[in-house]
Amino acid sequence: MSESTTNHDHPVVFIHGPWPHSSSWDPCNLFKSSPNTVDTPKAERSPLLLTSGSENHTAPKVIVEQPVNLYAGDSKSVTEYHEFEGRGHSLTIDEDWDDVANVTLQWLSSKGF
């Protein structure tokens, strides 16, 4: 990343959760009877777009693909993944954040929103 990308006018804080980056460790997935369990292959839901940067070392593609595969399953609902080439983890606050916004808006428009 360029120096201008990392020099923010506001403090940037990264907070890591207590669980490893894996849906298998999500406490809601440990107990399928949990009221917080998500019915991932549910057929009726809004389209879902998951994004990541190709240089994202916090949540790399292999991690983002896990929920893509979970939600896609046998679902009749749309689940898609978009990778931003050369981008890191902070897609929406880095330089060129508007590229992310434009891709997302185009995707929403293609889904009828």
N, C-alpha and C. Protein backbone atom coordinates (compact mmCIF):
# COMPACT_ATOMS: atom_id res chain seq x y z
N MET A 1 0.83 -1.18 0.00
CA MET A 1 0.00 0.00 0.00
C MET A 1 0.88 1.24 0.00
N SER A 2 0.37 2.27 -0.62
CA SER A 2 1.12 3.52 -0.66
C SER A 2 1.03 4.22 0.70
N GLU A 3 1.98 5.13 0.94
CA GLU A 3 1.99 5.87 2.20
C GLU A 3 0.72 6.70 2.34
N SER A 4 0.23 7.26 1.23
CA SER A 4 -1.00 8.07 1.31
C SER A 4 -2.20 7.23 1.71
N THR A 5 -2.17 5.94 1.36
CA THR A 5 -3.26 5.05 1.73
C THR A 5 -3.26 4.78 3.23
N THR A 6 -2.08 4.68 3.81
CA THR A 6 -1.99 4.32 5.22
C THR A 6 -2.04 5.52 6.15
N ASN A 7 -1.93 6.72 5.64
CA ASN A 7 -2.00 7.93 6.46
C ASN A 7 -3.43 8.45 6.49
N HIS A 8 -4.17 8.03 7.49
CA HIS A 8 -5.57 8.42 7.62
C HIS A 8 -5.68 9.67 8.50
N ASP A 9 -6.75 10.43 8.28
CA ASP A 9 -7.01 11.60 9.12
C ASP A 9 -7.61 11.20 10.46
N HIS A 10 -7.91 9.94 10.61
CA HIS A 10 -8.50 9.45 11.85
C HIS A 10 -7.76 8.18 12.26
N PRO A 11 -7.79 7.83 13.54
CA PRO A 11 -7.09 6.62 13.96
C PRO A 11 -7.75 5.38 13.38
N VAL A 12 -6.95 4.42 13.01
CA VAL A 12 -7.45 3.15 12.51
C VAL A 12 -7.15 2.10 13.57
N VAL A 13 -8.18 1.40 13.99
CA VAL A 13 -8.04 0.41 15.04
C VAL A 13 -8.50 -0.94 14.49
N PHE A 14 -7.69 -1.96 14.68
CA PHE A 14 -8.07 -3.30 14.28
C PHE A 14 -8.30 -4.12 15.53
N ILE A 15 -9.46 -4.70 15.64
CA ILE A 15 -9.80 -5.50 16.80
C ILE A 15 -10.04 -6.92 16.33
N HIS A 16 -9.25 -7.85 16.83
CA HIS A 16 -9.40 -9.25 16.46
C HIS A 16 -10.29 -9.95 17.48
N GLY A 17 -11.21 -10.75 16.99
CA GLY A 17 -12.10 -11.49 17.86
C GLY A 17 -11.39 -12.67 18.50
N PRO A 18 -12.04 -13.30 19.46
CA PRO A 18 -11.43 -14.41 20.18
C PRO A 18 -11.41 -15.72 19.40
N TRP A 19 -12.16 -15.78 18.29
CA TRP A 19 -12.27 -17.03 17.54
C TRP A 19 -11.35 -17.00 16.33
N PRO A 20 -10.77 -18.13 15.96
CA PRO A 20 -9.99 -18.20 14.72
C PRO A 20 -10.89 -17.87 13.53
N HIS A 21 -10.30 -17.47 12.42
CA HIS A 21 -11.07 -17.14 11.23
C HIS A 21 -11.55 -18.41 10.54
N SER A 22 -12.55 -19.03 11.10
CA SER A 22 -13.10 -20.23 10.50
C SER A 22 -14.53 -20.38 10.96
N SER A 23 -15.42 -20.62 10.02
CA SER A 23 -16.83 -20.75 10.39
C SER A 23 -17.05 -21.98 11.28
N SER A 24 -16.14 -22.96 11.22
CA SER A 24 -16.31 -24.14 12.05
C SER A 24 -16.11 -23.82 13.53
N TRP A 25 -15.44 -22.69 13.83
CA TRP A 25 -15.22 -22.30 15.22
C TRP A 25 -16.25 -21.30 15.71
N ASP A 26 -17.15 -20.89 14.86
CA ASP A 26 -18.20 -19.95 15.25
C ASP A 26 -19.08 -20.63 16.30
N PRO A 27 -19.28 -20.01 17.46
CA PRO A 27 -20.07 -20.66 18.51
C PRO A 27 -21.49 -20.99 18.06
N CYS A 28 -22.04 -20.24 17.12
CA CYS A 28 -23.38 -20.54 16.63
C CYS A 28 -23.40 -21.84 15.83
N ASN A 29 -22.26 -22.20 15.26
CA ASN A 29 -22.19 -23.42 14.48
C ASN A 29 -21.80 -24.64 15.32
N LEU A 30 -21.39 -24.41 16.56
CA LEU A 30 -21.06 -25.53 17.43
C LEU A 30 -22.32 -26.23 17.89
N PHE A 31 -23.38 -25.46 18.09
CA PHE A 31 -24.64 -26.01 18.58
C PHE A 31 -25.75 -25.64 17.61
N LYS A 32 -26.15 -26.59 16.79
CA LYS A 32 -27.16 -26.31 15.75
C LYS A 32 -28.51 -25.92 16.35
N SER A 33 -28.72 -26.18 17.63
CA SER A 33 -29.98 -25.79 18.27
C SER A 33 -29.92 -24.37 18.81
N SER A 34 -28.78 -23.71 18.66
CA SER A 34 -28.64 -22.33 19.14
C SER A 34 -29.63 -21.43 18.42
N PRO A 35 -30.27 -20.49 19.14
CA PRO A 35 -31.19 -19.56 18.48
C PRO A 35 -30.48 -18.63 17.49
N ASN A 36 -29.16 -18.56 17.57
CA ASN A 36 -28.39 -17.72 16.66
C ASN A 36 -27.87 -18.46 15.43
N THR A 37 -28.16 -19.75 15.33
CA THR A 37 -27.71 -20.53 14.18
C THR A 37 -28.35 -19.98 12.92
N VAL A 38 -27.53 -19.83 11.90
CA VAL A 38 -28.02 -19.31 10.62
C VAL A 38 -28.33 -20.47 9.69
N ASP A 39 -29.52 -20.44 9.10
CA ASP A 39 -29.92 -21.45 8.13
C ASP A 39 -29.31 -21.05 6.79
N THR A 40 -28.04 -21.38 6.57
CA THR A 40 -27.32 -20.88 5.41
C THR A 40 -27.90 -21.29 4.06
N PRO A 41 -28.41 -22.50 3.89
CA PRO A 41 -28.96 -22.82 2.57
C PRO A 41 -30.41 -22.37 2.38
N LYS A 42 -30.92 -21.55 3.29
CA LYS A 42 -32.30 -21.08 3.18
C LYS A 42 -32.56 -20.50 1.79
N ALA A 43 -33.64 -20.91 1.18
CA ALA A 43 -33.91 -20.56 -0.22
C ALA A 43 -34.36 -19.12 -0.41
N GLU A 44 -35.02 -18.55 0.58
CA GLU A 44 -35.58 -17.21 0.39
C GLU A 44 -34.81 -16.17 1.20
N ARG A 45 -33.93 -15.47 0.52
CA ARG A 45 -33.19 -14.38 1.14
C ARG A 45 -32.71 -13.45 0.04
N SER A 46 -32.22 -12.30 0.44
CA SER A 46 -31.70 -11.34 -0.53
C SER A 46 -30.38 -11.85 -1.10
N PRO A 47 -29.99 -11.34 -2.27
CA PRO A 47 -28.68 -11.72 -2.83
C PRO A 47 -27.56 -11.32 -1.88
N LEU A 48 -26.48 -12.09 -1.90
CA LEU A 48 -25.36 -11.87 -1.00
C LEU A 48 -24.07 -11.77 -1.82
N LEU A 49 -23.36 -10.66 -1.67
CA LEU A 49 -22.06 -10.46 -2.32
C LEU A 49 -21.00 -10.39 -1.24
N LEU A 50 -20.04 -11.29 -1.30
CA LEU A 50 -18.90 -11.27 -0.38
C LEU A 50 -17.69 -10.80 -1.17
N THR A 51 -16.89 -9.93 -0.56
CA THR A 51 -15.75 -9.34 -1.25
C THR A 51 -14.48 -9.51 -0.43
N SER A 52 -13.36 -9.43 -1.12
CA SER A 52 -12.06 -9.47 -0.47
C SER A 52 -11.04 -8.91 -1.44
N GLY A 53 -9.88 -8.56 -0.91
CA GLY A 53 -8.77 -8.13 -1.75
C GLY A 53 -7.80 -9.28 -1.96
N SER A 54 -7.16 -9.32 -3.12
CA SER A 54 -6.22 -10.40 -3.41
C SER A 54 -5.01 -10.37 -2.47
N GLU A 55 -4.74 -9.22 -1.86
CA GLU A 55 -3.62 -9.08 -0.92
C GLU A 55 -4.10 -9.03 0.53
N ASN A 56 -5.30 -9.52 0.78
CA ASN A 56 -5.88 -9.53 2.12
C ASN A 56 -5.28 -10.69 2.91
N HIS A 57 -4.45 -10.38 3.89
CA HIS A 57 -3.83 -11.43 4.71
C HIS A 57 -4.59 -11.63 6.02
N THR A 58 -5.55 -10.76 6.31
CA THR A 58 -6.38 -10.90 7.51
C THR A 58 -7.50 -11.90 7.26
N ALA A 59 -8.16 -11.76 6.14
CA ALA A 59 -9.22 -12.69 5.73
C ALA A 59 -8.98 -13.04 4.27
N PRO A 60 -8.02 -13.93 3.99
CA PRO A 60 -7.69 -14.27 2.61
C PRO A 60 -8.83 -15.02 1.90
N LYS A 61 -8.68 -15.15 0.61
CA LYS A 61 -9.72 -15.75 -0.24
C LYS A 61 -10.23 -17.08 0.33
N VAL A 62 -9.34 -17.93 0.79
CA VAL A 62 -9.76 -19.24 1.30
C VAL A 62 -10.73 -19.10 2.48
N ILE A 63 -10.58 -18.06 3.28
CA ILE A 63 -11.48 -17.81 4.40
C ILE A 63 -12.82 -17.27 3.91
N VAL A 64 -12.79 -16.35 2.96
CA VAL A 64 -14.02 -15.75 2.44
C VAL A 64 -14.82 -16.77 1.63
N GLU A 65 -14.14 -17.71 1.00
CA GLU A 65 -14.84 -18.73 0.22
C GLU A 65 -15.66 -19.67 1.10
N GLN A 66 -15.29 -19.81 2.37
CA GLN A 66 -16.05 -20.70 3.26
C GLN A 66 -17.51 -20.26 3.38
N PRO A 67 -17.79 -18.99 3.74
CA PRO A 67 -19.20 -18.60 3.80
C PRO A 67 -19.85 -18.56 2.42
N VAL A 68 -19.07 -18.27 1.36
CA VAL A 68 -19.65 -18.31 0.02
C VAL A 68 -20.20 -19.70 -0.24
N ASN A 69 -19.40 -20.71 0.06
CA ASN A 69 -19.84 -22.09 -0.16
C ASN A 69 -20.99 -22.47 0.77
N LEU A 70 -20.95 -22.00 2.02
CA LEU A 70 -22.04 -22.29 2.96
C LEU A 70 -23.36 -21.70 2.48
N TYR A 71 -23.31 -20.42 2.08
CA TYR A 71 -24.54 -19.75 1.68
C TYR A 71 -25.01 -20.19 0.30
N ALA A 72 -24.10 -20.56 -0.57
CA ALA A 72 -24.49 -20.98 -1.91
C ALA A 72 -25.21 -22.33 -1.83
N GLY A 73 -24.58 -23.30 -1.20
CA GLY A 73 -25.18 -24.61 -0.98
C GLY A 73 -26.19 -25.00 -2.03
N ASP A 74 -27.36 -25.39 -1.59
CA ASP A 74 -28.45 -25.73 -2.48
C ASP A 74 -29.44 -24.58 -2.60
N SER A 75 -29.01 -23.42 -2.17
CA SER A 75 -29.90 -22.25 -2.14
C SER A 75 -30.31 -21.81 -3.53
N LYS A 76 -31.53 -21.33 -3.62
CA LYS A 76 -32.03 -20.73 -4.86
C LYS A 76 -31.69 -19.25 -4.89
N SER A 77 -31.17 -18.74 -3.80
CA SER A 77 -30.79 -17.34 -3.71
C SER A 77 -29.38 -17.14 -4.26
N VAL A 78 -29.09 -15.93 -4.69
CA VAL A 78 -27.80 -15.60 -5.29
C VAL A 78 -26.74 -15.36 -4.21
N THR A 79 -25.61 -16.02 -4.35
CA THR A 79 -24.45 -15.80 -3.49
C THR A 79 -23.24 -15.71 -4.42
N GLU A 80 -22.52 -14.59 -4.36
CA GLU A 80 -21.38 -14.41 -5.25
C GLU A 80 -20.19 -13.83 -4.49
N TYR A 81 -19.03 -14.01 -5.09
CA TYR A 81 -17.77 -13.53 -4.52
C TYR A 81 -17.08 -12.63 -5.54
N HIS A 82 -16.54 -11.51 -5.06
CA HIS A 82 -15.76 -10.62 -5.92
C HIS A 82 -14.44 -10.32 -5.24
N GLU A 83 -13.35 -10.55 -5.97
CA GLU A 83 -12.03 -10.27 -5.45
C GLU A 83 -11.47 -9.02 -6.13
N PHE A 84 -10.98 -8.09 -5.33
CA PHE A 84 -10.37 -6.87 -5.84
C PHE A 84 -8.86 -7.09 -5.94
N GLU A 85 -8.38 -7.14 -7.17
CA GLU A 85 -6.97 -7.42 -7.44
C GLU A 85 -6.05 -6.35 -6.82
N GLY A 86 -5.03 -6.81 -6.12
CA GLY A 86 -4.03 -5.91 -5.55
C GLY A 86 -4.47 -5.15 -4.32
N ARG A 87 -5.63 -5.47 -3.79
CA ARG A 87 -6.17 -4.73 -2.64
C ARG A 87 -6.01 -5.57 -1.37
N GLY A 88 -5.96 -4.85 -0.23
CA GLY A 88 -5.79 -5.50 1.06
C GLY A 88 -7.11 -5.67 1.79
N HIS A 89 -7.05 -5.68 3.11
CA HIS A 89 -8.21 -5.95 3.95
C HIS A 89 -9.14 -4.76 4.10
N SER A 90 -8.60 -3.56 4.04
CA SER A 90 -9.39 -2.35 4.32
C SER A 90 -10.00 -1.76 3.05
N LEU A 91 -10.72 -2.56 2.33
CA LEU A 91 -11.26 -2.15 1.02
C LEU A 91 -12.02 -0.84 1.04
N THR A 92 -12.85 -0.66 2.05
CA THR A 92 -13.76 0.50 2.04
C THR A 92 -13.15 1.77 2.62
N ILE A 93 -11.95 1.68 3.18
CA ILE A 93 -11.34 2.89 3.73
C ILE A 93 -10.00 3.21 3.07
N ASP A 94 -9.53 2.32 2.19
CA ASP A 94 -8.28 2.58 1.49
C ASP A 94 -8.50 3.52 0.32
N GLU A 95 -7.39 3.99 -0.21
CA GLU A 95 -7.41 4.77 -1.45
C GLU A 95 -8.17 3.94 -2.50
N ASP A 96 -8.91 4.60 -3.35
CA ASP A 96 -9.72 3.94 -4.38
C ASP A 96 -10.90 3.15 -3.80
N TRP A 97 -11.37 3.55 -2.63
CA TRP A 97 -12.55 2.91 -2.03
C TRP A 97 -13.75 3.02 -2.95
N ASP A 98 -13.76 4.06 -3.80
CA ASP A 98 -14.90 4.25 -4.69
C ASP A 98 -15.00 3.13 -5.72
N ASP A 99 -13.88 2.44 -6.03
CA ASP A 99 -13.96 1.27 -6.91
C ASP A 99 -14.82 0.19 -6.27
N VAL A 100 -14.65 0.00 -4.98
CA VAL A 100 -15.43 -0.99 -4.25
C VAL A 100 -16.91 -0.60 -4.27
N ALA A 101 -17.18 0.67 -4.02
CA ALA A 101 -18.56 1.16 -4.04
C ALA A 101 -19.17 0.98 -5.42
N ASN A 102 -18.43 1.29 -6.47
CA ASN A 102 -18.97 1.17 -7.84
C ASN A 102 -19.25 -0.28 -8.21
N VAL A 103 -18.34 -1.19 -7.87
CA VAL A 103 -18.57 -2.61 -8.15
C VAL A 103 -19.81 -3.09 -7.41
N THR A 104 -19.94 -2.69 -6.16
CA THR A 104 -21.09 -3.10 -5.35
C THR A 104 -22.40 -2.54 -5.91
N LEU A 105 -22.38 -1.27 -6.29
CA LEU A 105 -23.59 -0.66 -6.88
C LEU A 105 -23.96 -1.31 -8.20
N GLN A 106 -22.97 -1.61 -9.03
CA GLN A 106 -23.24 -2.30 -10.29
C GLN A 106 -23.81 -3.69 -10.04
N TRP A 107 -23.26 -4.37 -9.05
CA TRP A 107 -23.75 -5.71 -8.71
C TRP A 107 -25.20 -5.64 -8.23
N LEU A 108 -25.49 -4.68 -7.34
CA LEU A 108 -26.86 -4.51 -6.84
C LEU A 108 -27.81 -4.20 -8.00
N SER A 109 -27.39 -3.33 -8.89
CA SER A 109 -28.22 -2.98 -10.04
C SER A 109 -28.49 -4.21 -10.92
N SER A 110 -27.47 -5.05 -11.10
CA SER A 110 -27.66 -6.25 -11.92
C SER A 110 -28.63 -7.24 -11.28
N LYS A 111 -28.85 -7.09 -9.98
CA LYS A 111 -29.79 -7.98 -9.25
C LYS A 111 -31.17 -7.34 -9.10
N GLY A 112 -31.36 -6.18 -9.71
CA GLY A 112 -32.68 -5.54 -9.68
C GLY A 112 -32.90 -4.58 -8.55
N PHE A 113 -31.85 -4.15 -7.89
CA PHE A 113 -31.99 -3.21 -6.78
C PHE A 113 -31.65 -1.80 -7.22
